[in-house]
Amino acid sequence: MIKDIVHDIEEAQILKEFDFDGRKQENIAMFTIQEFNQYFEEHMTRNVNELQKKYELIGDNFLKNIEESIFATQTKSLENMREYYYFWERKVYNAIVKMVLRALLS
C-alpha cells in the first residue's frame, strides 16, 4: 500500500493540461489573470490535498502498523526501524521531485 501511494505521488499531474490551440480555434478571448489563476490553482490545490492525505497515511497508519506487528511498539524511534523509515522517506522524496519536474516540464 505504501508503494502504491508513492507511485500516486510520482505520477500526479499537479498542473492541469490546457488546450491553447482549441481555445484559439473557438475564438475565445484570453483569460483574465484571475481566471487563469483560478483555472490552474483549483486543480493543483485539490490534487496536492489528496496526495497529502495519502502521504499522512504512510506514517500515521502503515509504518506504525508495521512497527507494531514486528516490535510491539509504536514509538517511531527504534534503531531497528531507522533504515526502513529512511528507505520510505527517500522514496517519497524522489516521487515528489519527479512530480514537480513533470509539472515544470509541462
C-alpha atoms as a PDB file:
ATOM      1  CA  MET A   1       0.000   0.000   0.000  1.00  0.00           C
ATOM      2  CA  ILE A   2       2.887   2.368   0.724  1.00  0.00           C
ATOM      3  CA  LYS A   3       4.353   1.618  -2.686  1.00  0.00           C
ATOM      4  CA  ASP A   4       1.019   2.486  -4.322  1.00  0.00           C
ATOM      5  CA  ILE A   5       0.862   5.830  -2.510  1.00  0.00           C
ATOM      6  CA  VAL A   6       4.424   6.674  -3.518  1.00  0.00           C
ATOM      7  CA  HIS A   7       3.543   5.759  -7.102  1.00  0.00           C
ATOM      8  CA  ASP A   8       0.450   8.010  -6.956  1.00  0.00           C
ATOM      9  CA  ILE A   9       2.630  10.910  -5.788  1.00  0.00           C
ATOM     10  CA  GLU A  10       5.171  10.268  -8.520  1.00  0.00           C
ATOM     11  CA  GLU A  11       2.560  10.097 -11.285  1.00  0.00           C
ATOM     12  CA  ALA A  12       0.408  13.006 -10.080  1.00  0.00           C
ATOM     13  CA  GLN A  13      -0.224  15.803 -12.530  1.00  0.00           C
ATOM     14  CA  ILE A  14      -0.402  18.897 -10.386  1.00  0.00           C
ATOM     15  CA  LEU A  15      -0.642  21.203 -13.392  1.00  0.00           C
ATOM     16  CA  LYS A  16      -3.805  20.909 -15.390  1.00  0.00           C
ATOM     17  CA  GLU A  17      -3.385  20.438 -19.117  1.00  0.00           C
ATOM     18  CA  PHE A  18      -4.811  23.219 -21.217  1.00  0.00           C
ATOM     19  CA  ASP A  19      -5.716  23.143 -24.897  1.00  0.00           C
ATOM     20  CA  PHE A  20      -4.496  26.538 -26.036  1.00  0.00           C
ATOM     21  CA  ASP A  21      -4.943  25.627 -29.717  1.00  0.00           C
ATOM     22  CA  GLY A  22      -8.552  24.559 -29.186  1.00  0.00           C
ATOM     23  CA  ARG A  23      -9.299  27.767 -27.322  1.00  0.00           C
ATOM     24  CA  LYS A  24      -7.757  29.785 -30.174  1.00  0.00           C
ATOM     25  CA  GLN A  25      -9.815  27.940 -32.826  1.00  0.00           C
ATOM     26  CA  GLU A  26     -13.015  28.640 -30.902  1.00  0.00           C
ATOM     27  CA  ASN A  27     -12.180  32.379 -30.839  1.00  0.00           C
ATOM     28  CA  ILE A  28     -12.465  32.516 -27.074  1.00  0.00           C
ATOM     29  CA  ALA A  29     -10.913  35.579 -25.512  1.00  0.00           C
ATOM     30  CA  MET A  30      -7.814  35.345 -23.362  1.00  0.00           C
ATOM     31  CA  PHE A  31      -8.085  34.596 -19.665  1.00  0.00           C
ATOM     32  CA  THR A  32      -8.019  37.396 -17.178  1.00  0.00           C
ATOM     33  CA  ILE A  33      -5.291  36.902 -14.594  1.00  0.00           C
ATOM     34  CA  GLN A  34      -7.927  35.885 -12.026  1.00  0.00           C
ATOM     35  CA  GLU A  35      -9.458  33.288 -14.365  1.00  0.00           C
ATOM     36  CA  PHE A  36      -6.010  31.972 -15.263  1.00  0.00           C
ATOM     37  CA  ASN A  37      -5.050  31.635 -11.606  1.00  0.00           C
ATOM     38  CA  GLN A  38      -8.352  30.028 -10.654  1.00  0.00           C
ATOM     39  CA  TYR A  39      -8.210  27.535 -13.552  1.00  0.00           C
ATOM     40  CA  PHE A  40      -4.821  26.160 -12.531  1.00  0.00           C
ATOM     41  CA  GLU A  41      -4.808  26.802  -8.770  1.00  0.00           C
ATOM     42  CA  GLU A  42      -8.025  24.887  -8.014  1.00  0.00           C
ATOM     43  CA  HIS A  43      -6.743  21.802  -9.820  1.00  0.00           C
ATOM     44  CA  MET A  44      -3.351  21.934  -8.142  1.00  0.00           C
ATOM     45  CA  THR A  45      -4.786  22.551  -4.665  1.00  0.00           C
ATOM     46  CA  ARG A  46      -7.249  19.681  -4.966  1.00  0.00           C
ATOM     47  CA  ASN A  47      -4.574  17.240  -6.170  1.00  0.00           C
ATOM     48  CA  VAL A  48      -1.984  18.274  -3.592  1.00  0.00           C
ATOM     49  CA  ASN A  49      -4.548  17.982  -0.768  1.00  0.00           C
ATOM     50  CA  GLU A  50      -5.463  14.457  -1.879  1.00  0.00           C
ATOM     51  CA  LEU A  51      -1.796  13.488  -2.070  1.00  0.00           C
ATOM     52  CA  GLN A  52      -1.149  14.951   1.369  1.00  0.00           C
ATOM     53  CA  LYS A  53      -3.915  12.820   2.875  1.00  0.00           C
ATOM     54  CA  LYS A  54      -2.426   9.720   1.255  1.00  0.00           C
ATOM     55  CA  TYR A  55       1.066  10.668   2.447  1.00  0.00           C
ATOM     56  CA  GLU A  56      -0.137  11.087   6.026  1.00  0.00           C
ATOM     57  CA  LEU A  57      -1.494   7.534   5.913  1.00  0.00           C
ATOM     58  CA  ILE A  58       2.039   6.239   5.405  1.00  0.00           C
ATOM     59  CA  GLY A  59       3.353   7.493   8.749  1.00  0.00           C
ATOM     60  CA  ASP A  60       0.134   7.598  10.712  1.00  0.00           C
ATOM     61  CA  ASN A  61      -1.064   4.122   9.804  1.00  0.00           C
ATOM     62  CA  PHE A  62       1.092   1.896   7.676  1.00  0.00           C
ATOM     63  CA  LEU A  63       4.547   2.372   9.215  1.00  0.00           C
ATOM     64  CA  LYS A  64       3.132   2.321  12.750  1.00  0.00           C
ATOM     65  CA  ASN A  65       1.303  -0.906  11.993  1.00  0.00           C
ATOM     66  CA  ILE A  66       4.442  -2.482  10.573  1.00  0.00           C
ATOM     67  CA  GLU A  67       6.474  -1.457  13.610  1.00  0.00           C
ATOM     68  CA  GLU A  68       3.802  -2.642  15.999  1.00  0.00           C
ATOM     69  CA  SER A  69       3.477  -6.023  14.320  1.00  0.00           C
ATOM     70  CA  ILE A  70       7.245  -6.592  14.306  1.00  0.00           C
ATOM     71  CA  PHE A  71       8.383  -4.996  17.602  1.00  0.00           C
ATOM     72  CA  ALA A  72       5.116  -4.486  19.534  1.00  0.00           C
ATOM     73  CA  THR A  73       5.774  -0.717  19.813  1.00  0.00           C
ATOM     74  CA  GLN A  74       4.625   2.485  18.090  1.00  0.00           C
ATOM     75  CA  THR A  75       7.470   4.815  19.012  1.00  0.00           C
ATOM     76  CA  LYS A  76       8.910   5.511  15.535  1.00  0.00           C
ATOM     77  CA  SER A  77      12.293   5.750  17.248  1.00  0.00           C
ATOM     78  CA  LEU A  78      13.603   2.218  17.246  1.00  0.00           C
ATOM     79  CA  GLU A  79      17.055   1.786  15.774  1.00  0.00           C
ATOM     80  CA  ASN A  80      15.855  -1.379  14.059  1.00  0.00           C
ATOM     81  CA  MET A  81      13.312   0.600  12.012  1.00  0.00           C
ATOM     82  CA  ARG A  82      15.586   3.534  11.147  1.00  0.00           C
ATOM     83  CA  GLU A  83      16.718   2.121   7.816  1.00  0.00           C
ATOM     84  CA  TYR A  84      13.170   1.166   6.892  1.00  0.00           C
ATOM     85  CA  TYR A  85      11.868   4.669   7.637  1.00  0.00           C
ATOM     86  CA  TYR A  86      14.787   6.152   5.737  1.00  0.00           C
ATOM     87  CA  PHE A  87      14.004   3.905   2.745  1.00  0.00           C
ATOM     88  CA  TRP A  88      10.459   5.228   2.513  1.00  0.00           C
ATOM     89  CA  GLU A  89      11.489   8.825   3.163  1.00  0.00           C
ATOM     90  CA  ARG A  90      13.824   8.646   0.148  1.00  0.00           C
ATOM     91  CA  LYS A  91      11.134   7.001  -1.982  1.00  0.00           C
ATOM     92  CA  VAL A  92       8.629   9.739  -1.128  1.00  0.00           C
ATOM     93  CA  TYR A  93      11.205  12.489  -1.658  1.00  0.00           C
ATOM     94  CA  ASN A  94      12.145  11.110  -5.072  1.00  0.00           C
ATOM     95  CA  ALA A  95       8.464  10.806  -6.020  1.00  0.00           C
ATOM     96  CA  ILE A  96       7.855  14.455  -5.095  1.00  0.00           C
ATOM     97  CA  VAL A  97      10.882  15.552  -7.117  1.00  0.00           C
ATOM     98  CA  LYS A  98       9.605  13.633 -10.155  1.00  0.00           C
ATOM     99  CA  MET A  99       6.116  15.097  -9.731  1.00  0.00           C
ATOM    100  CA  VAL A 100       7.484  18.658  -9.585  1.00  0.00           C
ATOM    101  CA  LEU A 101       9.848  18.116 -12.517  1.00  0.00           C
ATOM    102  CA  ARG A 102       7.000  16.719 -14.596  1.00  0.00           C
ATOM    103  CA  ALA A 103       4.950  19.809 -13.767  1.00  0.00           C
ATOM    104  CA  LEU A 104       7.809  22.143 -14.694  1.00  0.00           C
ATOM    105  CA  LEU A 105       8.391  20.331 -17.969  1.00  0.00           C
ATOM    106  CA  SER A 106       4.732  20.512 -18.917  1.00  0.00           C
END
